[in-house]
Amino acid sequence: MKKFIAIAICFACTSIALSQNKANLGLKAGANISSLSNADLKSKVNAYGGIFLNIDFTDLYELQPEVSYSNQGGKTKENNDTLNLEYISLSIANHFFVNRDDRFFLSLVPSIDFDIDDSFIGLINRGDDGGNDVTFIDITIGAGLGYRFDNGLAIEARYKRGLIDVYSGSFHSFESEQYEDENQFNSVFQIGLSYRFNMSKKED
């Protein structure tokens, strides 16, 4: 009963917040430049993309829940083999504007990333139950800056860092004691574009 009441209160508060503030859907996409810490890997370039709900709370603050796909990993230095780590990311972007007339904003973005390969969809596609032995969940923290144009288009750069060791157990794809003695964390620089659809009603 207490859980039901708590959920109902959260739902009511969310509904009130959305009704009293401008909420707009949007799309985002761009490039990842990713690698792993404490690993003999070069950075690799791949893509990310997703959807978001942008909520204006004040002239200086926006809340932006996001759901996105992110291809991360790196490349070996010797034979240029690619390590692909694919995630579905659930993020809460906090945008802070310097002043009400400024289009520049700073972002603080905590996220929870889920490894696709070890998910139900990934196991079905693989046709086995082995997964890739990468830690299923990664908690990340990101920060960045951006610039939004009047037409809803924005350009943004972010850096995000994983807080959980990428490899679960003793699995690794490289012959080195380094991976047994040290932890490997995701390190990703992102740059891309987003577009926020204007869903607010026009005033007569």
N, C-alpha and C. Protein backbone atom coordinates (compact mmCIF):
# COMPACT_ATOMS: atom_id res chain seq x y z
N MET A 1 0.83 -1.20 0.00
CA MET A 1 0.00 0.00 0.00
C MET A 1 0.87 1.26 0.00
N LYS A 2 1.94 1.25 0.81
CA LYS A 2 2.84 2.39 0.87
C LYS A 2 3.52 2.61 -0.47
N LYS A 3 3.91 1.51 -1.14
CA LYS A 3 4.54 1.64 -2.45
C LYS A 3 3.57 2.24 -3.47
N PHE A 4 2.31 1.78 -3.39
CA PHE A 4 1.29 2.31 -4.32
C PHE A 4 1.09 3.81 -4.11
N ILE A 5 1.05 4.23 -2.84
CA ILE A 5 0.87 5.66 -2.54
C ILE A 5 2.07 6.46 -3.04
N ALA A 6 3.28 5.92 -2.85
CA ALA A 6 4.48 6.62 -3.30
C ALA A 6 4.49 6.77 -4.81
N ILE A 7 4.11 5.68 -5.52
CA ILE A 7 4.05 5.74 -6.99
C ILE A 7 3.00 6.74 -7.45
N ALA A 8 1.86 6.75 -6.77
CA ALA A 8 0.79 7.68 -7.14
C ALA A 8 1.23 9.12 -6.94
N ILE A 9 1.95 9.38 -5.83
CA ILE A 9 2.44 10.74 -5.57
C ILE A 9 3.45 11.16 -6.63
N CYS A 10 4.36 10.24 -6.99
CA CYS A 10 5.35 10.55 -8.03
C CYS A 10 4.68 10.84 -9.36
N PHE A 11 3.67 10.02 -9.71
CA PHE A 11 2.95 10.21 -10.96
C PHE A 11 2.23 11.56 -10.96
N ALA A 12 1.62 11.90 -9.82
CA ALA A 12 0.90 13.17 -9.73
C ALA A 12 1.85 14.35 -9.85
N CYS A 13 3.00 14.25 -9.17
CA CYS A 13 3.97 15.33 -9.24
C CYS A 13 4.51 15.50 -10.65
N THR A 14 4.76 14.37 -11.33
CA THR A 14 5.24 14.44 -12.71
C THR A 14 4.21 15.07 -13.62
N SER A 15 2.93 14.68 -13.44
CA SER A 15 1.85 15.23 -14.26
C SER A 15 1.72 16.73 -14.06
N ILE A 16 1.82 17.16 -12.79
CA ILE A 16 1.73 18.59 -12.49
C ILE A 16 2.90 19.35 -13.11
N ALA A 17 4.09 18.77 -12.99
CA ALA A 17 5.28 19.42 -13.54
C ALA A 17 5.17 19.58 -15.05
N LEU A 18 4.68 18.53 -15.72
CA LEU A 18 4.56 18.59 -17.17
C LEU A 18 3.48 19.56 -17.61
N SER A 19 2.40 19.65 -16.81
CA SER A 19 1.29 20.53 -17.17
C SER A 19 1.66 22.00 -16.96
N GLN A 20 2.53 22.27 -16.00
CA GLN A 20 2.89 23.65 -15.69
C GLN A 20 4.15 24.10 -16.42
N ASN A 21 4.82 23.22 -17.11
CA ASN A 21 6.04 23.57 -17.82
C ASN A 21 5.96 23.08 -19.26
N LYS A 22 6.74 23.72 -20.12
CA LYS A 22 6.76 23.35 -21.52
C LYS A 22 7.56 22.06 -21.70
N ALA A 23 6.93 21.05 -22.31
CA ALA A 23 7.59 19.77 -22.56
C ALA A 23 7.59 19.51 -24.06
N ASN A 24 8.76 19.22 -24.61
CA ASN A 24 8.89 19.01 -26.04
C ASN A 24 9.70 17.75 -26.32
N LEU A 25 9.22 16.94 -27.26
CA LEU A 25 9.97 15.77 -27.70
C LEU A 25 11.10 16.19 -28.63
N GLY A 26 12.12 15.34 -28.72
CA GLY A 26 13.22 15.65 -29.61
C GLY A 26 14.01 14.42 -30.01
N LEU A 27 14.87 14.61 -31.01
CA LEU A 27 15.75 13.56 -31.51
C LEU A 27 17.19 14.03 -31.41
N LYS A 28 18.10 13.08 -31.22
CA LYS A 28 19.52 13.42 -31.13
C LYS A 28 20.36 12.34 -31.80
N ALA A 29 21.50 12.73 -32.36
CA ALA A 29 22.40 11.79 -33.01
C ALA A 29 23.76 12.44 -33.16
N GLY A 30 24.79 11.59 -33.23
CA GLY A 30 26.13 12.13 -33.39
C GLY A 30 27.19 11.06 -33.36
N ALA A 31 28.43 11.47 -33.11
CA ALA A 31 29.58 10.57 -33.14
C ALA A 31 30.13 10.33 -31.74
N ASN A 32 30.52 9.09 -31.48
CA ASN A 32 31.24 8.71 -30.27
C ASN A 32 32.72 8.55 -30.59
N ILE A 33 33.58 9.11 -29.78
CA ILE A 33 35.01 8.81 -29.81
C ILE A 33 35.31 8.12 -28.49
N SER A 34 35.46 6.80 -28.53
CA SER A 34 35.46 6.01 -27.30
C SER A 34 36.72 5.18 -27.13
N SER A 35 37.00 4.84 -25.87
CA SER A 35 38.08 3.94 -25.53
C SER A 35 37.81 3.41 -24.13
N LEU A 36 38.76 2.64 -23.59
CA LEU A 36 38.68 2.14 -22.22
C LEU A 36 39.90 2.60 -21.46
N SER A 37 39.72 2.94 -20.21
CA SER A 37 40.86 3.30 -19.37
C SER A 37 41.66 2.05 -19.03
N ASN A 38 42.95 2.24 -18.74
CA ASN A 38 43.84 1.14 -18.35
C ASN A 38 43.81 0.00 -19.36
N ALA A 39 43.80 0.35 -20.65
CA ALA A 39 43.74 -0.65 -21.71
C ALA A 39 44.64 -0.21 -22.86
N ASP A 40 45.29 -1.19 -23.48
CA ASP A 40 46.15 -0.89 -24.63
C ASP A 40 45.29 -0.78 -25.89
N LEU A 41 44.44 0.22 -25.91
CA LEU A 41 43.52 0.41 -27.02
C LEU A 41 43.62 1.82 -27.56
N LYS A 42 43.41 1.94 -28.87
CA LYS A 42 43.25 3.25 -29.49
C LYS A 42 41.77 3.63 -29.44
N SER A 43 41.50 4.90 -29.56
CA SER A 43 40.11 5.35 -29.63
C SER A 43 39.50 4.93 -30.96
N LYS A 44 38.22 4.69 -30.96
CA LYS A 44 37.50 4.38 -32.19
C LYS A 44 36.32 5.34 -32.32
N VAL A 45 35.89 5.56 -33.55
CA VAL A 45 34.77 6.46 -33.83
C VAL A 45 33.57 5.63 -34.26
N ASN A 46 32.44 5.87 -33.60
CA ASN A 46 31.19 5.22 -33.99
C ASN A 46 30.05 6.19 -33.71
N ALA A 47 28.83 5.67 -33.55
CA ALA A 47 27.67 6.56 -33.51
C ALA A 47 26.84 6.38 -32.25
N TYR A 48 26.03 7.39 -31.96
CA TYR A 48 24.99 7.31 -30.96
C TYR A 48 23.75 7.99 -31.51
N GLY A 49 22.60 7.67 -30.95
CA GLY A 49 21.36 8.29 -31.38
C GLY A 49 20.24 7.94 -30.42
N GLY A 50 19.23 8.83 -30.34
CA GLY A 50 18.15 8.55 -29.42
C GLY A 50 17.05 9.59 -29.45
N ILE A 51 16.16 9.49 -28.47
CA ILE A 51 15.04 10.41 -28.32
C ILE A 51 15.09 11.01 -26.92
N PHE A 52 14.42 12.16 -26.76
CA PHE A 52 14.41 12.79 -25.44
C PHE A 52 13.13 13.59 -25.25
N LEU A 53 12.86 13.92 -24.00
CA LEU A 53 11.76 14.80 -23.63
C LEU A 53 12.37 15.98 -22.88
N ASN A 54 12.30 17.17 -23.51
CA ASN A 54 12.90 18.37 -22.93
C ASN A 54 11.84 19.16 -22.17
N ILE A 55 12.09 19.43 -20.89
CA ILE A 55 11.11 20.10 -20.03
C ILE A 55 11.71 21.41 -19.50
N ASP A 56 11.08 22.52 -19.84
CA ASP A 56 11.51 23.83 -19.34
C ASP A 56 10.93 24.07 -17.95
N PHE A 57 11.78 24.12 -16.94
CA PHE A 57 11.33 24.44 -15.59
C PHE A 57 11.45 25.93 -15.29
N THR A 58 12.58 26.51 -15.68
CA THR A 58 12.78 27.95 -15.53
C THR A 58 13.54 28.44 -16.77
N ASP A 59 13.80 29.74 -16.83
CA ASP A 59 14.58 30.29 -17.93
C ASP A 59 16.03 29.82 -17.88
N LEU A 60 16.47 29.34 -16.73
CA LEU A 60 17.87 28.96 -16.56
C LEU A 60 18.09 27.46 -16.39
N TYR A 61 17.01 26.67 -16.35
CA TYR A 61 17.17 25.23 -16.10
C TYR A 61 16.17 24.41 -16.91
N GLU A 62 16.68 23.34 -17.54
CA GLU A 62 15.86 22.36 -18.25
C GLU A 62 16.22 20.96 -17.78
N LEU A 63 15.20 20.12 -17.69
CA LEU A 63 15.39 18.69 -17.40
C LEU A 63 15.11 17.92 -18.67
N GLN A 64 16.00 16.99 -19.01
CA GLN A 64 15.86 16.28 -20.28
C GLN A 64 16.11 14.77 -20.11
N PRO A 65 15.07 13.97 -19.82
CA PRO A 65 15.22 12.51 -19.84
C PRO A 65 15.50 12.03 -21.26
N GLU A 66 16.41 11.06 -21.39
CA GLU A 66 16.84 10.59 -22.71
C GLU A 66 16.89 9.06 -22.74
N VAL A 67 16.58 8.49 -23.90
CA VAL A 67 16.80 7.07 -24.19
C VAL A 67 17.60 7.00 -25.48
N SER A 68 18.78 6.38 -25.44
CA SER A 68 19.63 6.41 -26.62
C SER A 68 20.41 5.11 -26.78
N TYR A 69 20.90 4.92 -28.02
CA TYR A 69 21.80 3.81 -28.36
C TYR A 69 23.20 4.38 -28.47
N SER A 70 24.18 3.66 -27.92
CA SER A 70 25.55 4.16 -27.95
C SER A 70 26.51 3.01 -28.25
N ASN A 71 27.28 3.16 -29.34
CA ASN A 71 28.28 2.17 -29.72
C ASN A 71 29.64 2.64 -29.21
N GLN A 72 30.25 1.87 -28.31
CA GLN A 72 31.49 2.26 -27.65
C GLN A 72 32.54 1.16 -27.80
N GLY A 73 33.66 1.32 -27.13
CA GLY A 73 34.73 0.33 -27.20
C GLY A 73 36.04 0.97 -27.61
N GLY A 74 36.82 0.26 -28.44
CA GLY A 74 38.10 0.78 -28.90
C GLY A 74 38.71 -0.13 -29.95
N LYS A 75 39.98 0.16 -30.31
CA LYS A 75 40.69 -0.64 -31.29
C LYS A 75 42.06 -1.02 -30.74
N THR A 76 42.50 -2.25 -31.06
CA THR A 76 43.83 -2.68 -30.63
C THR A 76 44.89 -1.94 -31.44
N LYS A 77 46.04 -1.69 -30.81
CA LYS A 77 47.08 -0.89 -31.47
C LYS A 77 47.85 -1.68 -32.52
N GLU A 78 47.97 -2.99 -32.33
CA GLU A 78 48.81 -3.77 -33.22
C GLU A 78 48.09 -4.15 -34.52
N ASN A 79 46.95 -4.85 -34.41
CA ASN A 79 46.28 -5.33 -35.63
C ASN A 79 44.98 -4.60 -35.92
N ASN A 80 44.68 -3.55 -35.15
CA ASN A 80 43.52 -2.70 -35.43
C ASN A 80 42.19 -3.45 -35.32
N ASP A 81 42.15 -4.51 -34.51
CA ASP A 81 40.88 -5.20 -34.26
C ASP A 81 39.95 -4.28 -33.47
N THR A 82 38.66 -4.41 -33.73
CA THR A 82 37.68 -3.52 -33.10
C THR A 82 36.98 -4.21 -31.95
N LEU A 83 36.91 -3.53 -30.82
CA LEU A 83 36.13 -3.99 -29.68
C LEU A 83 34.83 -3.17 -29.66
N ASN A 84 33.71 -3.83 -29.92
CA ASN A 84 32.41 -3.16 -29.94
C ASN A 84 31.65 -3.42 -28.65
N LEU A 85 31.31 -2.35 -27.95
CA LEU A 85 30.46 -2.42 -26.77
C LEU A 85 29.22 -1.58 -27.08
N GLU A 86 28.06 -2.24 -27.12
CA GLU A 86 26.83 -1.55 -27.49
C GLU A 86 25.90 -1.43 -26.28
N TYR A 87 25.41 -0.22 -26.06
CA TYR A 87 24.59 0.04 -24.88
C TYR A 87 23.28 0.73 -25.25
N ILE A 88 22.26 0.44 -24.45
CA ILE A 88 21.07 1.28 -24.39
C ILE A 88 21.21 2.14 -23.14
N SER A 89 21.17 3.44 -23.31
CA SER A 89 21.47 4.37 -22.23
C SER A 89 20.21 5.11 -21.80
N LEU A 90 19.94 5.11 -20.49
CA LEU A 90 18.86 5.89 -19.89
C LEU A 90 19.51 7.03 -19.11
N SER A 91 19.28 8.27 -19.57
CA SER A 91 19.99 9.41 -19.03
C SER A 91 19.02 10.48 -18.53
N ILE A 92 19.50 11.28 -17.60
CA ILE A 92 18.79 12.47 -17.14
C ILE A 92 19.73 13.66 -17.33
N ALA A 93 19.54 14.38 -18.44
CA ALA A 93 20.38 15.54 -18.71
C ALA A 93 19.83 16.77 -18.00
N ASN A 94 20.70 17.47 -17.30
CA ASN A 94 20.35 18.72 -16.63
C ASN A 94 21.06 19.85 -17.36
N HIS A 95 20.27 20.76 -17.97
CA HIS A 95 20.83 21.87 -18.73
C HIS A 95 20.76 23.15 -17.90
N PHE A 96 21.89 23.83 -17.78
CA PHE A 96 21.97 25.08 -17.03
C PHE A 96 22.40 26.20 -17.98
N PHE A 97 21.57 27.23 -18.07
CA PHE A 97 21.88 28.38 -18.92
C PHE A 97 22.49 29.50 -18.08
N VAL A 98 23.41 30.25 -18.69
CA VAL A 98 24.10 31.32 -17.97
C VAL A 98 23.13 32.45 -17.63
N ASN A 99 22.28 32.84 -18.58
CA ASN A 99 21.24 33.83 -18.33
C ASN A 99 20.09 33.56 -19.28
N ARG A 100 18.98 34.20 -19.09
CA ARG A 100 17.76 33.89 -19.83
C ARG A 100 17.85 34.20 -21.32
N ASP A 101 18.80 35.07 -21.70
CA ASP A 101 18.94 35.42 -23.12
C ASP A 101 20.07 34.66 -23.79
N ASP A 102 20.79 33.86 -23.03
CA ASP A 102 21.95 33.16 -23.56
C ASP A 102 21.53 31.80 -24.12
N ARG A 103 22.03 31.45 -25.29
CA ARG A 103 21.71 30.16 -25.90
C ARG A 103 22.72 29.08 -25.52
N PHE A 104 23.81 29.46 -24.91
CA PHE A 104 24.79 28.48 -24.44
C PHE A 104 24.30 27.83 -23.15
N PHE A 105 24.55 26.52 -23.01
CA PHE A 105 24.17 25.84 -21.79
C PHE A 105 25.22 24.82 -21.39
N LEU A 106 25.29 24.54 -20.11
CA LEU A 106 26.14 23.50 -19.55
C LEU A 106 25.28 22.31 -19.19
N SER A 107 25.83 21.10 -19.29
CA SER A 107 25.07 19.88 -19.02
C SER A 107 25.74 19.04 -17.96
N LEU A 108 24.92 18.46 -17.09
CA LEU A 108 25.35 17.44 -16.15
C LEU A 108 24.43 16.25 -16.36
N VAL A 109 25.03 15.07 -16.71
CA VAL A 109 24.22 13.97 -17.23
C VAL A 109 24.58 12.64 -16.56
N PRO A 110 23.88 12.23 -15.51
CA PRO A 110 24.03 10.87 -14.99
C PRO A 110 23.24 9.88 -15.86
N SER A 111 23.78 8.67 -16.00
CA SER A 111 23.14 7.67 -16.89
C SER A 111 23.30 6.27 -16.33
N ILE A 112 22.40 5.40 -16.75
CA ILE A 112 22.54 3.96 -16.55
C ILE A 112 22.56 3.32 -17.93
N ASP A 113 23.64 2.59 -18.25
CA ASP A 113 23.80 1.96 -19.56
C ASP A 113 23.63 0.45 -19.42
N PHE A 114 22.87 -0.13 -20.36
CA PHE A 114 22.62 -1.58 -20.36
C PHE A 114 23.27 -2.19 -21.59
N ASP A 115 24.13 -3.18 -21.37
CA ASP A 115 24.82 -3.86 -22.46
C ASP A 115 23.81 -4.63 -23.32
N ILE A 116 23.73 -4.30 -24.60
CA ILE A 116 22.74 -4.92 -25.49
C ILE A 116 23.03 -6.40 -25.70
N ASP A 117 24.30 -6.76 -25.82
CA ASP A 117 24.64 -8.13 -26.17
C ASP A 117 24.20 -9.14 -25.12
N ASP A 118 24.16 -8.72 -23.86
CA ASP A 118 23.73 -9.63 -22.79
C ASP A 118 22.24 -9.47 -22.46
N SER A 119 21.54 -8.65 -23.23
CA SER A 119 20.11 -8.50 -23.03
C SER A 119 19.35 -9.61 -23.75
N PHE A 120 18.05 -9.66 -23.54
CA PHE A 120 17.22 -10.68 -24.19
C PHE A 120 17.32 -10.56 -25.70
N ILE A 121 17.27 -9.33 -26.22
CA ILE A 121 17.35 -9.12 -27.66
C ILE A 121 18.70 -9.58 -28.20
N GLY A 122 19.78 -9.25 -27.48
CA GLY A 122 21.10 -9.64 -27.93
C GLY A 122 21.29 -11.15 -27.95
N LEU A 123 20.78 -11.84 -26.94
CA LEU A 123 20.92 -13.29 -26.88
C LEU A 123 20.12 -13.97 -28.00
N ILE A 124 18.94 -13.42 -28.32
CA ILE A 124 18.15 -13.97 -29.43
C ILE A 124 18.91 -13.81 -30.75
N ASN A 125 19.51 -12.65 -30.96
CA ASN A 125 20.25 -12.40 -32.19
C ASN A 125 21.49 -13.27 -32.29
N ARG A 126 22.13 -13.53 -31.16
CA ARG A 126 23.35 -14.36 -31.16
C ARG A 126 23.03 -15.84 -31.35
N GLY A 127 21.85 -16.25 -30.90
CA GLY A 127 21.48 -17.65 -31.01
C GLY A 127 22.14 -18.53 -29.97
N ASP A 128 22.69 -17.94 -28.90
CA ASP A 128 23.28 -18.72 -27.82
C ASP A 128 23.03 -17.98 -26.51
N ASP A 129 23.59 -18.50 -25.45
CA ASP A 129 23.39 -17.86 -24.14
C ASP A 129 24.70 -17.39 -23.54
N GLY A 130 25.71 -17.20 -24.39
CA GLY A 130 27.02 -16.83 -23.87
C GLY A 130 27.20 -15.36 -23.57
N GLY A 131 26.48 -14.52 -24.27
CA GLY A 131 26.68 -13.09 -24.10
C GLY A 131 28.11 -12.71 -24.49
N ASN A 132 28.59 -11.61 -23.98
CA ASN A 132 29.97 -11.20 -24.27
C ASN A 132 30.79 -10.99 -23.00
N ASP A 133 30.25 -11.38 -21.86
CA ASP A 133 30.94 -11.31 -20.57
C ASP A 133 31.29 -9.89 -20.14
N VAL A 134 30.69 -8.90 -20.80
CA VAL A 134 30.84 -7.52 -20.36
C VAL A 134 29.82 -7.25 -19.26
N THR A 135 30.20 -6.47 -18.27
CA THR A 135 29.28 -6.14 -17.19
C THR A 135 27.98 -5.60 -17.76
N PHE A 136 26.86 -6.17 -17.34
CA PHE A 136 25.56 -5.86 -17.95
C PHE A 136 25.16 -4.40 -17.76
N ILE A 137 25.49 -3.81 -16.62
CA ILE A 137 25.09 -2.43 -16.32
C ILE A 137 26.33 -1.58 -16.07
N ASP A 138 26.32 -0.40 -16.66
CA ASP A 138 27.35 0.59 -16.36
C ASP A 138 26.67 1.88 -15.90
N ILE A 139 27.13 2.43 -14.80
CA ILE A 139 26.66 3.72 -14.33
C ILE A 139 27.67 4.77 -14.77
N THR A 140 27.23 5.82 -15.43
CA THR A 140 28.14 6.82 -15.95
C THR A 140 27.75 8.22 -15.47
N ILE A 141 28.71 9.11 -15.52
CA ILE A 141 28.46 10.52 -15.25
C ILE A 141 29.06 11.30 -16.40
N GLY A 142 28.31 12.25 -16.90
CA GLY A 142 28.76 13.02 -18.05
C GLY A 142 28.62 14.51 -17.82
N ALA A 143 29.40 15.28 -18.56
CA ALA A 143 29.33 16.73 -18.51
C ALA A 143 29.61 17.27 -19.90
N GLY A 144 29.03 18.43 -20.21
CA GLY A 144 29.25 18.98 -21.53
C GLY A 144 28.73 20.39 -21.65
N LEU A 145 28.77 20.88 -22.89
CA LEU A 145 28.24 22.20 -23.19
C LEU A 145 27.59 22.16 -24.56
N GLY A 146 26.68 23.11 -24.79
CA GLY A 146 25.96 23.13 -26.05
C GLY A 146 25.47 24.52 -26.41
N TYR A 147 24.91 24.60 -27.61
CA TYR A 147 24.36 25.87 -28.10
C TYR A 147 23.08 25.55 -28.86
N ARG A 148 21.99 26.22 -28.50
CA ARG A 148 20.70 25.97 -29.13
C ARG A 148 20.29 27.17 -29.99
N PHE A 149 19.85 26.86 -31.22
CA PHE A 149 19.37 27.87 -32.14
C PHE A 149 17.88 28.11 -31.93
N ASP A 150 17.38 29.20 -32.50
CA ASP A 150 15.97 29.55 -32.32
C ASP A 150 15.02 28.53 -32.95
N ASN A 151 15.48 27.81 -33.98
CA ASN A 151 14.61 26.86 -34.68
C ASN A 151 14.52 25.50 -33.99
N GLY A 152 15.13 25.35 -32.80
CA GLY A 152 15.07 24.09 -32.06
C GLY A 152 16.26 23.19 -32.26
N LEU A 153 17.11 23.51 -33.24
CA LEU A 153 18.32 22.73 -33.48
C LEU A 153 19.39 23.11 -32.47
N ALA A 154 20.16 22.13 -32.01
CA ALA A 154 21.23 22.40 -31.05
C ALA A 154 22.45 21.55 -31.39
N ILE A 155 23.59 22.06 -31.06
CA ILE A 155 24.84 21.31 -31.16
C ILE A 155 25.40 21.15 -29.76
N GLU A 156 25.88 19.94 -29.45
CA GLU A 156 26.31 19.67 -28.08
C GLU A 156 27.50 18.73 -28.07
N ALA A 157 28.41 18.97 -27.13
CA ALA A 157 29.55 18.10 -26.91
C ALA A 157 29.52 17.63 -25.46
N ARG A 158 29.74 16.34 -25.25
CA ARG A 158 29.75 15.77 -23.91
C ARG A 158 30.93 14.81 -23.73
N TYR A 159 31.35 14.68 -22.48
CA TYR A 159 32.28 13.62 -22.11
C TYR A 159 31.63 12.81 -21.01
N LYS A 160 31.59 11.49 -21.19
CA LYS A 160 31.03 10.65 -20.13
C LYS A 160 32.02 9.56 -19.74
N ARG A 161 31.98 9.23 -18.46
CA ARG A 161 32.94 8.28 -17.88
C ARG A 161 32.17 7.20 -17.12
N GLY A 162 32.51 5.96 -17.41
CA GLY A 162 31.90 4.85 -16.70
C GLY A 162 32.46 4.71 -15.29
N LEU A 163 31.62 4.21 -14.38
CA LEU A 163 32.02 4.06 -12.99
C LEU A 163 32.10 2.60 -12.56
N ILE A 164 31.76 1.67 -13.47
CA ILE A 164 31.78 0.24 -13.17
C ILE A 164 32.73 -0.46 -14.13
N ASP A 165 33.53 -1.38 -13.61
CA ASP A 165 34.48 -2.13 -14.42
C ASP A 165 33.75 -2.79 -15.59
N VAL A 166 34.28 -2.60 -16.81
CA VAL A 166 33.61 -3.10 -18.01
C VAL A 166 33.52 -4.61 -18.02
N TYR A 167 34.56 -5.30 -17.52
CA TYR A 167 34.59 -6.75 -17.62
C TYR A 167 34.15 -7.42 -16.32
N SER A 168 33.21 -8.33 -16.45
CA SER A 168 32.77 -9.12 -15.30
C SER A 168 33.61 -10.38 -15.21
N GLY A 169 33.92 -10.79 -14.00
CA GLY A 169 34.72 -12.00 -13.84
C GLY A 169 36.12 -11.79 -14.37
N SER A 170 36.68 -12.82 -14.96
CA SER A 170 38.07 -12.77 -15.45
C SER A 170 38.14 -12.64 -16.96
N PHE A 171 37.00 -12.42 -17.62
CA PHE A 171 37.00 -12.38 -19.09
C PHE A 171 37.71 -11.14 -19.61
N HIS A 172 38.55 -11.32 -20.61
CA HIS A 172 39.06 -10.22 -21.41
C HIS A 172 39.56 -10.80 -22.73
N SER A 173 39.67 -9.96 -23.75
CA SER A 173 40.03 -10.41 -25.09
C SER A 173 41.50 -10.18 -25.41
N PHE A 174 42.31 -9.78 -24.43
CA PHE A 174 43.68 -9.41 -24.71
C PHE A 174 44.61 -10.13 -23.74
N GLU A 175 45.75 -10.60 -24.26
CA GLU A 175 46.71 -11.35 -23.44
C GLU A 175 47.58 -10.37 -22.65
N SER A 176 47.11 -10.01 -21.48
CA SER A 176 47.85 -9.07 -20.65
C SER A 176 47.41 -9.21 -19.20
N GLU A 177 48.38 -9.24 -18.28
CA GLU A 177 48.05 -9.28 -16.87
C GLU A 177 47.43 -7.96 -16.40
N GLN A 178 47.58 -6.94 -17.22
CA GLN A 178 47.03 -5.63 -16.87
C GLN A 178 45.53 -5.70 -16.63
N TYR A 179 44.82 -6.56 -17.39
CA TYR A 179 43.37 -6.63 -17.28
C TYR A 179 42.93 -7.41 -16.06
N GLU A 180 43.87 -8.12 -15.44
CA GLU A 180 43.55 -8.82 -14.21
C GLU A 180 43.85 -7.95 -12.99
N ASP A 181 44.79 -7.02 -13.13
CA ASP A 181 45.23 -6.21 -12.00
C ASP A 181 44.53 -4.86 -11.92
N GLU A 182 44.00 -4.37 -13.04
CA GLU A 182 43.40 -3.05 -13.06
C GLU A 182 41.99 -3.11 -13.64
N ASN A 183 41.19 -2.12 -13.28
CA ASN A 183 39.83 -2.03 -13.82
C ASN A 183 39.80 -1.23 -15.11
N GLN A 184 38.89 -1.58 -15.99
CA GLN A 184 38.70 -0.86 -17.24
C GLN A 184 37.35 -0.14 -17.21
N PHE A 185 37.36 1.15 -17.48
CA PHE A 185 36.15 1.96 -17.46
C PHE A 185 35.91 2.59 -18.83
N ASN A 186 34.63 2.68 -19.20
CA ASN A 186 34.28 3.35 -20.45
C ASN A 186 34.67 4.82 -20.40
N SER A 187 35.21 5.31 -21.49
CA SER A 187 35.57 6.72 -21.64
C SER A 187 35.09 7.16 -23.02
N VAL A 188 34.15 8.09 -23.07
CA VAL A 188 33.51 8.45 -24.34
C VAL A 188 33.38 9.96 -24.48
N PHE A 189 33.85 10.49 -25.62
CA PHE A 189 33.60 11.87 -25.99
C PHE A 189 32.54 11.87 -27.09
N GLN A 190 31.48 12.62 -26.91
CA GLN A 190 30.37 12.66 -27.86
C GLN A 190 30.19 14.07 -28.41
N ILE A 191 29.96 14.15 -29.71
CA ILE A 191 29.61 15.42 -30.32
C ILE A 191 28.52 15.17 -31.36
N GLY A 192 27.46 15.98 -31.33
CA GLY A 192 26.36 15.73 -32.23
C GLY A 192 25.34 16.83 -32.25
N LEU A 193 24.23 16.54 -32.91
CA LEU A 193 23.14 17.50 -33.08
C LEU A 193 21.87 16.95 -32.43
N SER A 194 21.01 17.85 -32.02
CA SER A 194 19.69 17.45 -31.53
C SER A 194 18.66 18.43 -32.09
N TYR A 195 17.42 17.95 -32.15
CA TYR A 195 16.34 18.82 -32.62
C TYR A 195 15.16 18.68 -31.67
N ARG A 196 14.70 19.79 -31.15
CA ARG A 196 13.57 19.81 -30.22
C ARG A 196 12.33 20.31 -30.95
N PHE A 197 11.31 19.43 -31.04
CA PHE A 197 10.06 19.82 -31.68
C PHE A 197 9.27 20.75 -30.76
N ASN A 198 8.69 21.79 -31.33
CA ASN A 198 7.90 22.73 -30.55
C ASN A 198 6.48 22.22 -30.43
N MET A 199 6.15 21.67 -29.25
CA MET A 199 4.83 21.06 -29.03
C MET A 199 3.92 21.93 -28.17
N SER A 200 4.39 23.12 -27.80
CA SER A 200 3.56 24.01 -26.99
C SER A 200 2.50 24.65 -27.85
N LYS A 201 1.32 24.89 -27.25
CA LYS A 201 0.21 25.48 -27.98
C LYS A 201 0.46 26.97 -28.19
N LYS A 202 0.10 27.42 -29.37
CA LYS A 202 0.25 28.84 -29.67
C LYS A 202 -0.85 29.62 -28.98
N GLU A 203 -0.44 30.76 -28.42
CA GLU A 203 -1.42 31.60 -27.74
C GLU A 203 -2.14 32.47 -28.77
N ASP A 204 -3.45 32.67 -28.54
CA ASP A 204 -4.22 33.50 -29.46
C ASP A 204 -3.86 34.97 -29.28
